[in-house]
Amino acid sequence: QVQLVESGGGLVQPGGSLRLSCAASRSIVSINFMGWHRQAPGKQRELVAVMTSGGSTDYVDSVKGRFTISRDNAKNTVYLQMNSLKFEDTAVYYCFVDNYWGQGTQVTVSS
């Protein structure tokens, strides 16, 4: 069992930045997959970013070049750095570690 606690969401203006954090209750060193999904109002949940245990990463096309996923094994934490935020990035962001999910954190991009 792994508990995940997300933080870092909030309200930001277009063009701004946020960093989401996802703290796991145990070591993530041996985790196969970790990453972030998001769900905007009225839309299906979509995979935003994923990282494998080997460090390979992938992103949905709409965030490539703007978002960066990373991890700190010593802190058992996965991050999502979000730059150049757009209105369409507004969503609830959920982290996952293998089959475990966080509770979600709201990101709102608004002027």
N, C-alpha and C. Protein backbone atom coordinates (compact mmCIF):
# COMPACT_ATOMS: atom_id res chain seq x y z
N GLN A 1 0.84 -1.19 0.00
CA GLN A 1 0.00 0.00 0.00
C GLN A 1 0.89 1.25 0.00
N VAL A 2 0.48 2.22 -0.81
CA VAL A 2 1.21 3.48 -0.88
C VAL A 2 0.21 4.62 -0.78
N GLN A 3 0.44 5.52 0.13
CA GLN A 3 -0.36 6.74 0.21
C GLN A 3 0.39 7.86 -0.50
N LEU A 4 -0.37 8.65 -1.26
CA LEU A 4 0.21 9.75 -2.01
C LEU A 4 -0.46 11.05 -1.59
N VAL A 5 0.33 12.05 -1.29
CA VAL A 5 -0.19 13.35 -0.88
C VAL A 5 0.33 14.40 -1.84
N GLU A 6 -0.59 15.04 -2.53
CA GLU A 6 -0.24 16.06 -3.52
C GLU A 6 -0.32 17.44 -2.91
N SER A 7 0.46 18.33 -3.47
CA SER A 7 0.42 19.73 -3.05
C SER A 7 0.95 20.59 -4.19
N GLY A 8 0.74 21.88 -4.06
CA GLY A 8 1.30 22.82 -5.03
C GLY A 8 0.32 23.41 -6.01
N GLY A 9 -0.91 22.94 -5.99
CA GLY A 9 -1.89 23.51 -6.90
C GLY A 9 -2.30 24.91 -6.45
N GLY A 10 -3.06 25.57 -7.31
CA GLY A 10 -3.52 26.90 -6.96
C GLY A 10 -3.99 27.67 -8.17
N LEU A 11 -4.11 28.96 -7.96
CA LEU A 11 -4.56 29.88 -9.01
C LEU A 11 -3.34 30.62 -9.56
N VAL A 12 -3.23 30.64 -10.87
CA VAL A 12 -2.09 31.30 -11.51
C VAL A 12 -2.57 31.98 -12.78
N GLN A 13 -1.91 33.05 -13.14
CA GLN A 13 -2.26 33.75 -14.39
C GLN A 13 -1.64 33.04 -15.59
N PRO A 14 -2.22 33.24 -16.74
CA PRO A 14 -1.61 32.65 -17.96
C PRO A 14 -0.16 33.09 -18.09
N GLY A 15 0.68 32.14 -18.47
CA GLY A 15 2.10 32.42 -18.58
C GLY A 15 2.87 32.15 -17.31
N GLY A 16 2.16 31.92 -16.23
CA GLY A 16 2.80 31.67 -14.96
C GLY A 16 3.26 30.23 -14.79
N SER A 17 3.79 29.95 -13.60
CA SER A 17 4.34 28.63 -13.31
C SER A 17 3.83 28.10 -11.98
N LEU A 18 3.78 26.80 -11.89
CA LEU A 18 3.48 26.11 -10.64
C LEU A 18 4.32 24.84 -10.60
N ARG A 19 4.61 24.39 -9.40
CA ARG A 19 5.25 23.08 -9.24
C ARG A 19 4.39 22.22 -8.33
N LEU A 20 3.94 21.12 -8.88
CA LEU A 20 3.17 20.16 -8.10
C LEU A 20 4.11 19.15 -7.47
N SER A 21 3.77 18.73 -6.27
CA SER A 21 4.54 17.71 -5.56
C SER A 21 3.63 16.55 -5.20
N CYS A 22 4.20 15.38 -5.18
CA CYS A 22 3.46 14.17 -4.81
C CYS A 22 4.36 13.35 -3.90
N ALA A 23 4.06 13.39 -2.62
CA ALA A 23 4.88 12.70 -1.63
C ALA A 23 4.31 11.31 -1.37
N ALA A 24 5.14 10.31 -1.52
CA ALA A 24 4.73 8.93 -1.31
C ALA A 24 5.09 8.48 0.11
N SER A 25 4.31 7.52 0.61
CA SER A 25 4.51 7.06 1.99
C SER A 25 5.64 6.05 2.10
N ARG A 26 6.18 5.62 0.97
CA ARG A 26 7.32 4.71 1.02
C ARG A 26 8.24 4.98 -0.17
N SER A 27 9.32 4.27 -0.23
CA SER A 27 10.31 4.49 -1.27
C SER A 27 9.73 4.32 -2.67
N ILE A 28 10.15 5.20 -3.56
CA ILE A 28 9.72 5.12 -4.96
C ILE A 28 10.84 4.61 -5.86
N VAL A 29 11.93 4.16 -5.26
CA VAL A 29 13.08 3.73 -6.06
C VAL A 29 12.71 2.59 -6.99
N SER A 30 11.91 1.66 -6.51
CA SER A 30 11.60 0.47 -7.30
C SER A 30 10.29 0.59 -8.07
N ILE A 31 9.70 1.76 -8.06
CA ILE A 31 8.43 1.97 -8.75
C ILE A 31 8.63 1.87 -10.26
N ASN A 32 7.73 1.18 -10.94
CA ASN A 32 7.85 1.02 -12.39
C ASN A 32 7.43 2.27 -13.15
N PHE A 33 6.30 2.83 -12.75
CA PHE A 33 5.78 4.02 -13.44
C PHE A 33 5.28 5.01 -12.41
N MET A 34 5.52 6.28 -12.68
CA MET A 34 4.97 7.34 -11.85
C MET A 34 4.66 8.50 -12.77
N GLY A 35 3.70 9.31 -12.36
CA GLY A 35 3.38 10.43 -13.23
C GLY A 35 2.16 11.19 -12.80
N TRP A 36 1.60 11.89 -13.76
CA TRP A 36 0.48 12.78 -13.50
C TRP A 36 -0.57 12.65 -14.60
N HIS A 37 -1.82 12.60 -14.15
CA HIS A 37 -2.97 12.74 -15.02
C HIS A 37 -3.63 14.07 -14.67
N ARG A 38 -4.54 14.48 -15.51
CA ARG A 38 -5.39 15.62 -15.18
C ARG A 38 -6.78 15.41 -15.74
N GLN A 39 -7.74 16.07 -15.10
CA GLN A 39 -9.12 16.01 -15.56
C GLN A 39 -9.72 17.39 -15.48
N ALA A 40 -10.08 17.91 -16.63
CA ALA A 40 -10.74 19.20 -16.71
C ALA A 40 -12.25 19.00 -16.63
N PRO A 41 -12.98 20.02 -16.24
CA PRO A 41 -14.45 19.90 -16.14
C PRO A 41 -15.05 19.45 -17.46
N GLY A 42 -15.87 18.40 -17.39
CA GLY A 42 -16.56 17.92 -18.57
C GLY A 42 -15.70 17.12 -19.53
N LYS A 43 -14.47 16.83 -19.14
CA LYS A 43 -13.57 16.10 -20.03
C LYS A 43 -13.08 14.83 -19.35
N GLN A 44 -12.59 13.93 -20.17
CA GLN A 44 -12.03 12.70 -19.63
C GLN A 44 -10.64 12.96 -19.04
N ARG A 45 -10.28 12.09 -18.10
CA ARG A 45 -8.95 12.19 -17.52
C ARG A 45 -7.91 11.85 -18.59
N GLU A 46 -6.84 12.62 -18.64
CA GLU A 46 -5.79 12.36 -19.62
C GLU A 46 -4.43 12.27 -18.93
N LEU A 47 -3.59 11.43 -19.51
CA LEU A 47 -2.23 11.30 -19.01
C LEU A 47 -1.42 12.50 -19.45
N VAL A 48 -0.78 13.17 -18.51
CA VAL A 48 -0.02 14.38 -18.81
C VAL A 48 1.48 14.06 -18.93
N ALA A 49 1.99 13.32 -17.94
CA ALA A 49 3.42 13.05 -17.92
C ALA A 49 3.66 11.74 -17.20
N VAL A 50 4.66 11.00 -17.65
CA VAL A 50 4.99 9.74 -17.03
C VAL A 50 6.50 9.57 -16.99
N MET A 51 6.97 8.91 -15.94
CA MET A 51 8.39 8.60 -15.80
C MET A 51 8.52 7.13 -15.40
N THR A 52 9.45 6.45 -16.02
CA THR A 52 9.69 5.05 -15.68
C THR A 52 10.77 4.96 -14.61
N SER A 53 10.94 3.74 -14.09
CA SER A 53 11.97 3.54 -13.08
C SER A 53 13.36 3.85 -13.62
N GLY A 54 13.53 3.70 -14.93
CA GLY A 54 14.81 3.99 -15.55
C GLY A 54 15.04 5.45 -15.84
N GLY A 55 14.02 6.26 -15.59
CA GLY A 55 14.15 7.69 -15.80
C GLY A 55 13.64 8.21 -17.13
N SER A 56 13.14 7.32 -17.96
CA SER A 56 12.56 7.78 -19.23
C SER A 56 11.28 8.55 -18.95
N THR A 57 11.05 9.57 -19.77
CA THR A 57 9.86 10.40 -19.58
C THR A 57 9.09 10.54 -20.89
N ASP A 58 7.82 10.83 -20.74
CA ASP A 58 6.98 11.12 -21.90
C ASP A 58 5.88 12.07 -21.47
N TYR A 59 5.40 12.84 -22.44
CA TYR A 59 4.41 13.86 -22.15
C TYR A 59 3.33 13.87 -23.23
N VAL A 60 2.15 14.29 -22.86
CA VAL A 60 1.12 14.55 -23.86
C VAL A 60 1.60 15.74 -24.69
N ASP A 61 1.26 15.72 -25.95
CA ASP A 61 1.77 16.74 -26.88
C ASP A 61 1.49 18.16 -26.41
N SER A 62 0.35 18.38 -25.80
CA SER A 62 -0.06 19.73 -25.44
C SER A 62 0.81 20.37 -24.36
N VAL A 63 1.62 19.58 -23.65
CA VAL A 63 2.45 20.15 -22.59
C VAL A 63 3.94 20.02 -22.87
N LYS A 64 4.29 19.37 -23.96
CA LYS A 64 5.72 19.20 -24.28
C LYS A 64 6.40 20.55 -24.40
N GLY A 65 7.56 20.64 -23.76
CA GLY A 65 8.31 21.89 -23.77
C GLY A 65 7.90 22.85 -22.68
N ARG A 66 6.80 22.56 -22.00
CA ARG A 66 6.33 23.44 -20.92
C ARG A 66 6.35 22.75 -19.55
N PHE A 67 6.06 21.47 -19.53
CA PHE A 67 6.00 20.72 -18.27
C PHE A 67 7.20 19.79 -18.17
N THR A 68 7.66 19.57 -16.94
CA THR A 68 8.76 18.66 -16.70
C THR A 68 8.46 17.81 -15.48
N ILE A 69 8.54 16.50 -15.65
CA ILE A 69 8.36 15.59 -14.52
C ILE A 69 9.74 15.22 -13.98
N SER A 70 9.82 15.12 -12.67
CA SER A 70 11.08 14.73 -12.05
C SER A 70 10.77 14.03 -10.74
N ARG A 71 11.79 13.48 -10.11
CA ARG A 71 11.58 12.80 -8.84
C ARG A 71 12.79 13.00 -7.96
N ASP A 72 12.55 12.90 -6.68
CA ASP A 72 13.60 12.93 -5.67
C ASP A 72 13.45 11.67 -4.84
N ASN A 73 14.28 10.68 -5.12
CA ASN A 73 14.15 9.40 -4.42
C ASN A 73 14.37 9.55 -2.92
N ALA A 74 15.23 10.45 -2.53
CA ALA A 74 15.52 10.63 -1.10
C ALA A 74 14.30 11.15 -0.34
N LYS A 75 13.47 11.89 -1.05
CA LYS A 75 12.26 12.45 -0.42
C LYS A 75 11.00 11.68 -0.80
N ASN A 76 11.16 10.60 -1.59
CA ASN A 76 10.01 9.81 -2.04
C ASN A 76 8.96 10.70 -2.70
N THR A 77 9.42 11.62 -3.51
CA THR A 77 8.52 12.63 -4.08
C THR A 77 8.68 12.74 -5.58
N VAL A 78 7.56 12.90 -6.25
CA VAL A 78 7.50 13.13 -7.68
C VAL A 78 7.01 14.56 -7.89
N TYR A 79 7.59 15.23 -8.85
CA TYR A 79 7.24 16.63 -9.10
C TYR A 79 6.73 16.81 -10.53
N LEU A 80 5.95 17.85 -10.72
CA LEU A 80 5.57 18.28 -12.06
C LEU A 80 5.76 19.79 -12.10
N GLN A 81 6.80 20.21 -12.79
CA GLN A 81 7.05 21.64 -12.99
C GLN A 81 6.26 22.08 -14.21
N MET A 82 5.41 23.07 -14.02
CA MET A 82 4.54 23.54 -15.10
C MET A 82 4.86 25.00 -15.38
N ASN A 83 5.35 25.26 -16.57
CA ASN A 83 5.68 26.62 -16.99
C ASN A 83 4.77 27.06 -18.14
N SER A 84 4.76 28.34 -18.38
CA SER A 84 3.97 28.91 -19.48
C SER A 84 2.55 28.37 -19.47
N LEU A 85 1.93 28.42 -18.33
CA LEU A 85 0.60 27.83 -18.17
C LEU A 85 -0.43 28.55 -19.04
N LYS A 86 -1.37 27.77 -19.52
CA LYS A 86 -2.43 28.26 -20.39
C LYS A 86 -3.78 28.01 -19.74
N PHE A 87 -4.79 28.71 -20.22
CA PHE A 87 -6.15 28.51 -19.71
C PHE A 87 -6.53 27.03 -19.76
N GLU A 88 -6.17 26.38 -20.85
CA GLU A 88 -6.58 24.99 -21.05
C GLU A 88 -5.84 24.00 -20.15
N ASP A 89 -4.89 24.48 -19.35
CA ASP A 89 -4.24 23.61 -18.37
C ASP A 89 -5.05 23.50 -17.09
N THR A 90 -6.11 24.28 -16.99
CA THR A 90 -6.97 24.22 -15.80
C THR A 90 -7.58 22.84 -15.66
N ALA A 91 -7.37 22.22 -14.50
CA ALA A 91 -7.84 20.86 -14.27
C ALA A 91 -7.49 20.45 -12.85
N VAL A 92 -8.03 19.32 -12.46
CA VAL A 92 -7.55 18.66 -11.24
C VAL A 92 -6.43 17.71 -11.67
N TYR A 93 -5.30 17.83 -11.03
CA TYR A 93 -4.13 17.02 -11.36
C TYR A 93 -3.96 15.92 -10.32
N TYR A 94 -3.79 14.70 -10.83
CA TYR A 94 -3.66 13.53 -9.97
C TYR A 94 -2.31 12.87 -10.22
N CYS A 95 -1.58 12.61 -9.17
CA CYS A 95 -0.35 11.85 -9.36
C CYS A 95 -0.66 10.37 -9.20
N PHE A 96 0.17 9.55 -9.80
CA PHE A 96 0.05 8.11 -9.63
C PHE A 96 1.44 7.51 -9.51
N VAL A 97 1.49 6.43 -8.76
CA VAL A 97 2.70 5.64 -8.59
C VAL A 97 2.26 4.20 -8.75
N ASP A 98 2.65 3.60 -9.87
CA ASP A 98 2.12 2.28 -10.25
C ASP A 98 0.59 2.34 -10.20
N ASN A 99 -0.06 1.55 -9.36
CA ASN A 99 -1.52 1.52 -9.33
C ASN A 99 -2.13 2.38 -8.24
N TYR A 100 -1.35 3.21 -7.60
CA TYR A 100 -1.85 4.05 -6.52
C TYR A 100 -2.02 5.48 -7.00
N TRP A 101 -3.05 6.14 -6.44
CA TRP A 101 -3.41 7.49 -6.89
C TRP A 101 -3.48 8.45 -5.72
N GLY A 102 -3.14 9.70 -6.00
CA GLY A 102 -3.35 10.74 -5.03
C GLY A 102 -4.77 11.26 -5.08
N GLN A 103 -5.06 12.21 -4.20
CA GLN A 103 -6.43 12.72 -4.07
C GLN A 103 -6.72 13.83 -5.07
N GLY A 104 -5.72 14.35 -5.70
CA GLY A 104 -5.90 15.40 -6.70
C GLY A 104 -5.64 16.78 -6.12
N THR A 105 -5.14 17.66 -6.95
CA THR A 105 -4.92 19.05 -6.56
C THR A 105 -5.38 19.94 -7.71
N GLN A 106 -6.10 20.98 -7.37
CA GLN A 106 -6.70 21.86 -8.39
C GLN A 106 -5.68 22.86 -8.90
N VAL A 107 -5.61 22.96 -10.21
CA VAL A 107 -4.82 23.99 -10.87
C VAL A 107 -5.78 24.84 -11.70
N THR A 108 -5.80 26.12 -11.44
CA THR A 108 -6.67 27.04 -12.17
C THR A 108 -5.83 28.13 -12.80
N VAL A 109 -5.94 28.23 -14.12
CA VAL A 109 -5.22 29.27 -14.85
C VAL A 109 -6.25 30.30 -15.28
N SER A 110 -6.13 31.49 -14.74
CA SER A 110 -7.14 32.51 -14.99
C SER A 110 -6.51 33.89 -14.85
N SER A 111 -7.02 34.82 -15.63
CA SER A 111 -6.56 36.20 -15.53
C SER A 111 -7.51 37.02 -14.65
